[in-house]
Amino acid sequence: MKKTDGRDSVSVTGPGTPGKLLVEWTVPDITWTDPERHWLRLEAEIKKKGEFQSYRRIGIESTEFLGRPAADWEFTRVRDGVTIHVLNRGLRTADGRPFAVYWETTHARWAEDRHYFYDFLETFRPL
């Protein structure tokens, strides 16, 4: 586990996969209550700024996490010449803190490595 410099996040990597899990306490400029709408706004900002090379949205869908509203944002993009596949869950804790649980791996390993995201969420309990 590694604390990310300059951010309120930690990342986890493991042996045998190029994937990375990032858990981040997000403090958006705009307070949000609807996670799906928040991802749609963030996506529009990223596209406007051209921040993700060859970005392709797979989906942004509402879901629940621990009985509270959440949303999953799945997409691919190219970084350093490699297509990566991302699944990012936006959620809030019981006291309202916004978090993101972000999983990425190479697109070629997506089917094999996707389970790490769900395995982590089975035990993740933000305070």
Protein backbone atom coordinates (compact mmCIF):
# COMPACT_ATOMS: atom_id res chain seq x y z
CA MET A 1 0.00 0.00 0.00
CA LYS A 2 1.27 3.45 -0.89
CA LYS A 3 0.04 6.95 -0.01
CA THR A 4 -0.28 9.09 -3.12
CA ASP A 5 1.79 12.29 -2.92
CA GLY A 6 -0.35 15.42 -2.89
CA ARG A 7 -3.66 13.53 -2.69
CA ASP A 8 -5.85 12.02 -0.02
CA SER A 9 -5.52 8.53 -1.43
CA VAL A 10 -3.77 5.23 -1.14
CA SER A 11 -2.98 2.77 -3.90
CA VAL A 12 -2.55 -0.97 -3.75
CA THR A 13 -0.82 -3.21 -6.25
CA GLY A 14 -0.27 -6.91 -6.07
CA PRO A 15 1.88 -9.61 -7.57
CA GLY A 16 0.86 -11.16 -10.83
CA THR A 17 -1.19 -8.27 -12.22
CA PRO A 18 -0.37 -4.90 -13.79
CA GLY A 19 -3.51 -3.54 -12.10
CA LYS A 20 -3.77 -0.90 -9.42
CA LEU A 21 -6.48 -0.11 -6.90
CA LEU A 22 -6.81 3.45 -5.66
CA VAL A 23 -9.02 4.58 -2.78
CA GLU A 24 -9.39 8.32 -2.60
CA TRP A 25 -11.23 10.69 -0.35
CA THR A 26 -12.45 13.16 -2.93
CA VAL A 27 -13.18 16.77 -2.18
CA PRO A 28 -14.86 18.07 -5.32
CA ASP A 29 -15.10 21.75 -6.10
CA ILE A 30 -18.85 21.30 -6.41
CA THR A 31 -20.71 19.49 -3.66
CA TRP A 32 -22.56 16.52 -5.12
CA THR A 33 -25.33 14.30 -3.87
CA ASP A 34 -26.01 12.29 -7.05
CA PRO A 35 -22.96 10.10 -7.84
CA GLU A 36 -24.04 9.38 -11.42
CA ARG A 37 -24.48 13.06 -12.21
CA HIS A 38 -21.12 13.76 -10.57
CA TRP A 39 -19.36 11.26 -12.88
CA LEU A 40 -21.13 12.76 -15.92
CA ARG A 41 -19.89 16.25 -14.98
CA LEU A 42 -16.36 14.99 -14.35
CA GLU A 43 -16.37 13.12 -17.66
CA ALA A 44 -17.45 16.29 -19.51
CA GLU A 45 -14.63 18.25 -17.84
CA ILE A 46 -12.03 15.60 -18.73
CA LYS A 47 -13.21 15.49 -22.34
CA LYS A 48 -13.24 19.29 -22.60
CA LYS A 49 -9.65 19.46 -21.33
CA GLY A 50 -8.54 16.49 -23.45
CA GLU A 51 -7.00 14.84 -20.40
CA PHE A 52 -7.49 11.17 -21.37
CA GLN A 53 -5.96 10.05 -24.66
CA SER A 54 -8.37 7.93 -26.74
CA TYR A 55 -11.00 8.02 -24.00
CA ARG A 56 -14.02 5.75 -24.57
CA ARG A 57 -16.89 5.51 -22.12
CA ILE A 58 -18.26 2.03 -21.55
CA GLY A 59 -20.85 3.15 -19.05
CA ILE A 60 -21.87 5.33 -16.13
CA GLU A 61 -24.49 3.61 -14.04
CA SER A 62 -26.15 4.18 -10.68
CA THR A 63 -25.71 1.47 -8.07
CA GLU A 64 -25.64 1.19 -4.29
CA PHE A 65 -22.86 0.67 -1.80
CA LEU A 66 -23.66 -0.20 1.83
CA GLY A 67 -27.26 0.84 1.20
CA ARG A 68 -26.32 4.29 -0.06
CA PRO A 69 -26.37 5.74 -3.60
CA ALA A 70 -23.22 5.13 -5.63
CA ALA A 71 -22.27 5.10 -9.31
CA ASP A 72 -19.84 3.11 -11.43
CA TRP A 73 -17.92 4.76 -14.27
CA GLU A 74 -16.26 2.31 -16.64
CA PHE A 75 -14.03 3.44 -19.48
CA THR A 76 -10.89 2.80 -21.48
CA ARG A 77 -8.10 5.21 -22.33
CA VAL A 78 -4.55 5.09 -23.61
CA ARG A 79 -1.65 5.91 -21.30
CA ASP A 80 1.98 5.53 -22.36
CA GLY A 81 0.88 3.67 -25.49
CA VAL A 82 -1.12 1.04 -23.57
CA THR A 83 -4.91 0.80 -23.44
CA ILE A 84 -6.05 0.64 -19.85
CA HIS A 85 -9.48 -0.30 -18.61
CA VAL A 86 -10.94 1.46 -15.56
CA LEU A 87 -13.84 0.91 -13.21
CA ASN A 88 -14.38 3.78 -10.77
CA ARG A 89 -17.07 3.74 -8.06
CA GLY A 90 -18.16 7.04 -6.57
CA LEU A 91 -19.77 6.80 -3.14
CA ARG A 92 -20.41 8.66 0.09
CA THR A 93 -19.93 7.48 3.64
CA ALA A 94 -22.72 7.65 6.22
CA ASP A 95 -21.44 11.08 7.30
CA GLY A 96 -21.36 12.33 3.70
CA ARG A 97 -17.65 12.10 2.82
CA PRO A 98 -17.17 11.46 -0.90
CA PHE A 99 -14.88 8.59 -1.90
CA ALA A 100 -13.80 6.97 -5.13
CA VAL A 101 -12.71 3.35 -5.40
CA TYR A 102 -10.78 3.09 -8.67
CA TRP A 103 -9.48 -0.07 -10.34
CA GLU A 104 -7.37 -0.10 -13.50
CA THR A 105 -5.53 -2.76 -15.43
CA THR A 106 -4.50 -3.23 -19.03
CA HIS A 107 -7.42 -3.78 -21.36
CA ALA A 108 -5.87 -7.10 -22.40
CA ARG A 109 -6.17 -8.35 -18.79
CA TRP A 110 -9.56 -6.84 -17.97
CA ALA A 111 -11.58 -10.08 -17.97
CA GLU A 112 -8.94 -11.81 -15.86
CA ASP A 113 -8.36 -8.98 -13.35
CA ARG A 114 -11.77 -7.29 -12.99
CA HIS A 115 -12.65 -9.41 -9.94
CA TYR A 116 -10.07 -7.55 -7.82
CA PHE A 117 -12.35 -4.49 -7.82
CA TYR A 118 -15.33 -6.47 -6.52
CA ASP A 119 -13.21 -8.50 -4.11
CA PHE A 120 -12.01 -5.26 -2.51
CA LEU A 121 -15.52 -3.81 -2.27
CA GLU A 122 -16.67 -6.91 -0.37
CA THR A 123 -14.50 -5.84 2.58
CA PHE A 124 -14.19 -2.05 2.18
CA ARG A 125 -15.92 -0.24 5.04
CA PRO A 126 -15.15 3.48 5.10
CA LEU A 127 -15.65 5.11 8.48
